[in-house]
């Protein structure tokens, strides 16, 4: 959500693939386009691990070597960054992030539980920047949503915020010095939770 914005870079893309022990399999794709006034960057990722490692179970007679059960984990995510140079003194930026993680909770030795946890998060932010002399005005608004399901128990939070900030900068003998005068924020918060089936 805080990635650097690039302009005048044209088309770019990157693919990454990682394999590892215990069923590790990670994939990532990123791509983007930028011109003088517009910039767009996208990234998708998937991470998976089976976690089927071997260990000696001291809870059983003879401490046999067994493989971990109910320990897999998978994570999916998508990130989108957009920016527009409206004119020489104004810029608009938007960013979105979605992430989902499913985990099997490995039981302690001597237990046969099969607990599962699912987490899903979403972030959206819209920024307006106004550059004036040695100051930068920033108006920011956004939405945050988190959801966790442990077995069939739901816990969810939602938050809306709106912030206003002002920053100053000046060019010193060897570098540009900057500081902020502070931010003013307002917003709403909602916390939901419950038991039973979660939709």
Protein backbone atom coordinates (compact mmCIF):
# COMPACT_ATOMS: atom_id res chain seq x y z
CA UNK A 1 0.00 0.00 0.00
CA UNK A 2 3.03 2.27 0.38
CA UNK A 3 4.83 1.30 -2.82
CA UNK A 4 6.68 3.97 -4.77
CA UNK A 5 4.90 5.48 -7.78
CA UNK A 6 6.84 5.51 -11.06
CA UNK A 7 6.02 7.44 -14.23
CA UNK A 8 7.41 7.30 -17.78
CA UNK A 9 8.46 3.62 -17.46
CA UNK A 10 6.25 2.05 -20.14
CA UNK A 11 5.32 -1.62 -19.77
CA UNK A 12 7.02 -3.86 -17.21
CA UNK A 13 6.40 -7.36 -15.89
CA UNK A 14 7.91 -9.99 -13.63
CA UNK A 15 7.16 -13.63 -12.76
CA UNK A 16 8.65 -15.46 -9.77
CA UNK A 17 8.33 -19.12 -8.77
CA UNK A 18 9.75 -20.78 -5.65
CA UNK A 19 9.85 -24.44 -4.63
CA UNK A 20 10.99 -25.80 -1.28
CA UNK A 21 10.87 -28.62 1.19
CA UNK A 22 7.70 -29.77 2.99
CA UNK A 23 5.54 -28.92 -0.02
CA UNK A 24 6.52 -25.25 -0.32
CA UNK A 25 5.19 -23.73 -3.57
CA UNK A 26 5.13 -19.93 -4.01
CA UNK A 27 4.11 -17.97 -7.10
CA UNK A 28 4.06 -14.24 -7.84
CA UNK A 29 3.28 -12.11 -10.87
CA UNK A 30 3.64 -8.35 -11.12
CA UNK A 31 3.13 -6.01 -14.03
CA UNK A 32 2.52 -2.39 -14.76
CA UNK A 33 2.38 0.49 -17.17
CA UNK A 34 3.22 4.15 -16.70
CA UNK A 35 3.23 7.22 -18.91
CA UNK A 36 3.80 10.88 -18.17
CA UNK A 37 0.44 11.31 -16.41
CA UNK A 38 -0.73 7.81 -15.50
CA UNK A 39 0.76 4.87 -13.58
CA UNK A 40 -0.66 1.42 -12.86
CA UNK A 41 0.95 -1.50 -11.02
CA UNK A 42 -0.61 -4.88 -10.25
CA UNK A 43 0.68 -7.82 -8.22
CA UNK A 44 -0.77 -11.25 -7.55
CA UNK A 45 0.78 -13.81 -5.22
CA UNK A 46 0.08 -17.30 -3.91
CA UNK A 47 1.99 -19.06 -1.14
CA UNK A 48 1.39 -22.68 -0.17
CA UNK A 49 3.15 -25.09 2.17
CA UNK A 50 2.09 -28.61 3.13
CA UNK A 51 4.21 -28.66 6.33
CA UNK A 52 4.37 -32.45 6.30
CA UNK A 53 7.66 -32.62 8.17
CA UNK A 54 8.68 -35.64 10.26
CA UNK A 55 9.19 -35.63 14.01
CA UNK A 56 9.32 -38.04 16.93
CA UNK A 57 6.05 -38.19 18.84
CA UNK A 58 7.03 -38.49 22.50
CA UNK A 59 3.36 -38.86 23.48
CA UNK A 60 3.30 -42.39 21.99
CA UNK A 61 5.05 -45.49 23.32
CA UNK A 62 8.48 -45.89 21.72
CA UNK A 63 8.43 -42.27 20.41
CA UNK A 64 7.81 -43.28 16.78
CA UNK A 65 8.67 -40.97 13.89
CA UNK A 66 5.51 -39.54 12.35
CA UNK A 67 4.60 -36.88 9.80
CA UNK A 68 2.85 -33.67 10.77
CA UNK A 69 -0.87 -33.71 10.08
CA UNK A 70 -3.34 -30.86 9.64
CA UNK A 71 -0.56 -28.27 9.26
CA UNK A 72 -0.94 -26.93 5.70
CA UNK A 73 -1.26 -23.22 4.94
CA UNK A 74 -2.23 -21.24 1.83
CA UNK A 75 -2.21 -17.50 1.19
CA UNK A 76 -3.56 -15.58 -1.80
CA UNK A 77 -3.31 -11.87 -2.42
CA UNK A 78 -3.75 -9.07 -4.94
CA UNK A 79 -2.37 -5.51 -4.86
CA UNK A 80 -3.33 -2.68 -7.22
CA UNK A 81 -1.76 0.80 -7.31
CA UNK A 82 -3.03 3.62 -9.53
CA UNK A 83 -1.85 7.22 -9.87
CA UNK A 84 -2.79 10.19 -12.04
CA UNK A 85 -0.91 13.46 -12.45
CA UNK A 86 -3.92 15.73 -12.87
CA UNK A 87 -1.67 18.71 -13.57
CA UNK A 88 1.71 20.03 -12.46
CA UNK A 89 0.42 20.69 -8.92
CA UNK A 90 -2.14 17.95 -8.29
CA UNK A 91 -1.92 14.17 -8.05
CA UNK A 92 -4.52 11.48 -7.31
CA UNK A 93 -3.54 8.03 -6.04
CA UNK A 94 -5.60 4.91 -5.32
CA UNK A 95 -4.47 1.62 -3.81
CA UNK A 96 -6.27 -1.67 -3.14
CA UNK A 97 -5.04 -4.75 -1.28
CA UNK A 98 -6.83 -8.09 -0.76
CA UNK A 99 -5.37 -11.00 1.15
CA UNK A 100 -6.81 -14.39 2.12
CA UNK A 101 -5.07 -17.00 4.27
CA UNK A 102 -6.31 -20.49 5.13
CA UNK A 103 -4.46 -22.39 7.85
CA UNK A 104 -4.78 -25.84 9.32
CA UNK A 105 -3.87 -25.58 13.02
CA UNK A 106 -1.44 -28.40 13.79
CA UNK A 107 -2.58 -30.30 16.91
CA UNK A 108 -0.29 -30.72 19.88
CA UNK A 109 1.26 -34.15 20.39
CA UNK A 110 -1.28 -36.62 21.71
CA UNK A 111 -4.22 -34.71 20.21
CA UNK A 112 -6.25 -35.45 17.07
CA UNK A 113 -7.95 -32.06 16.69
CA UNK A 114 -8.46 -30.65 13.19
CA UNK A 115 -8.90 -26.93 13.84
CA UNK A 116 -8.91 -24.57 10.87
CA UNK A 117 -8.59 -20.79 10.59
CA UNK A 118 -9.42 -18.51 7.68
CA UNK A 119 -8.37 -14.83 7.55
CA UNK A 120 -9.46 -12.34 4.90
CA UNK A 121 -8.41 -8.68 4.74
CA UNK A 122 -9.22 -5.81 2.41
CA UNK A 123 -7.71 -2.32 2.27
CA UNK A 124 -8.66 0.59 -0.01
CA UNK A 125 -7.07 4.05 0.10
CA UNK A 126 -7.62 7.18 -1.98
CA UNK A 127 -5.12 10.07 -1.75
CA UNK A 128 -5.27 13.56 -3.19
CA UNK A 129 -2.05 15.60 -3.17
CA UNK A 130 -1.76 19.33 -3.81
CA UNK A 131 1.76 20.71 -4.25
CA UNK A 132 2.13 24.41 -3.46
CA UNK A 133 5.47 26.15 -3.10
CA UNK A 134 7.24 24.41 -0.19
CA UNK A 135 4.16 22.64 1.15
CA UNK A 136 2.21 19.49 0.30
CA UNK A 137 -1.48 19.15 1.16
CA UNK A 138 -2.81 15.62 1.47
CA UNK A 139 -6.42 14.44 1.76
CA UNK A 140 -6.74 10.71 2.44
CA UNK A 141 -9.78 8.48 2.77
CA UNK A 142 -10.03 4.73 3.02
CA UNK A 143 -11.79 1.54 4.05
CA UNK A 144 -10.42 -1.34 6.16
CA UNK A 145 -12.11 -4.70 6.59
CA UNK A 146 -10.84 -7.82 8.38
CA UNK A 147 -12.58 -11.16 8.84
CA UNK A 148 -11.41 -14.22 10.78
CA UNK A 149 -13.19 -17.56 10.96
CA UNK A 150 -11.84 -20.07 13.49
CA UNK A 151 -13.60 -23.37 12.85
CA UNK A 152 -17.13 -21.88 12.57
CA UNK A 153 -16.72 -18.84 14.83
CA UNK A 154 -16.72 -15.48 13.04
CA UNK A 155 -14.89 -12.31 14.14
CA UNK A 156 -15.08 -9.29 11.84
CA UNK A 157 -14.08 -5.60 11.95
CA UNK A 158 -14.75 -2.73 9.55
CA UNK A 159 -13.39 0.80 9.61
CA UNK A 160 -13.76 3.93 7.50
CA UNK A 161 -11.34 6.84 7.87
CA UNK A 162 -10.68 10.27 6.42
CA UNK A 163 -7.47 12.22 7.14
CA UNK A 164 -6.05 15.61 6.27
CA UNK A 165 -2.34 16.37 6.48
CA UNK A 166 0.07 19.16 5.66
CA UNK A 167 3.79 18.78 5.04
CA UNK A 168 6.63 21.22 4.45
CA UNK A 169 10.04 20.84 2.86
CA UNK A 170 13.09 22.95 2.17
CA UNK A 171 16.32 22.39 0.31
CA UNK A 172 19.36 22.44 2.60
CA UNK A 173 23.09 22.53 1.78
CA UNK A 174 23.26 18.81 1.00
CA UNK A 175 19.73 17.40 1.08
CA UNK A 176 16.03 18.15 1.06
CA UNK A 177 14.67 18.44 4.60
CA UNK A 178 11.00 17.73 5.23
CA UNK A 179 8.55 17.50 8.12
CA UNK A 180 4.82 17.21 8.71
CA UNK A 181 2.66 19.48 10.80
CA UNK A 182 0.45 16.54 11.80
CA UNK A 183 -2.66 14.77 10.58
CA UNK A 184 -6.29 15.17 11.48
CA UNK A 185 -8.35 11.99 11.11
CA UNK A 186 -11.94 11.00 11.60
CA UNK A 187 -13.83 7.81 10.88
CA UNK A 188 -16.08 5.01 12.11
CA UNK A 189 -15.37 1.57 13.52
CA UNK A 190 -17.56 -1.54 13.68
CA UNK A 191 -16.77 -4.85 15.39
CA UNK A 192 -18.91 -7.90 14.61
CA UNK A 193 -18.60 -11.35 16.10
CA UNK A 194 -20.69 -14.47 16.54
CA UNK A 195 -20.84 -18.24 16.76
CA UNK A 196 -22.30 -20.85 14.51
CA UNK A 197 -22.19 -20.97 10.75
CA UNK A 198 -20.42 -18.02 9.10
CA UNK A 199 -21.45 -16.93 5.65
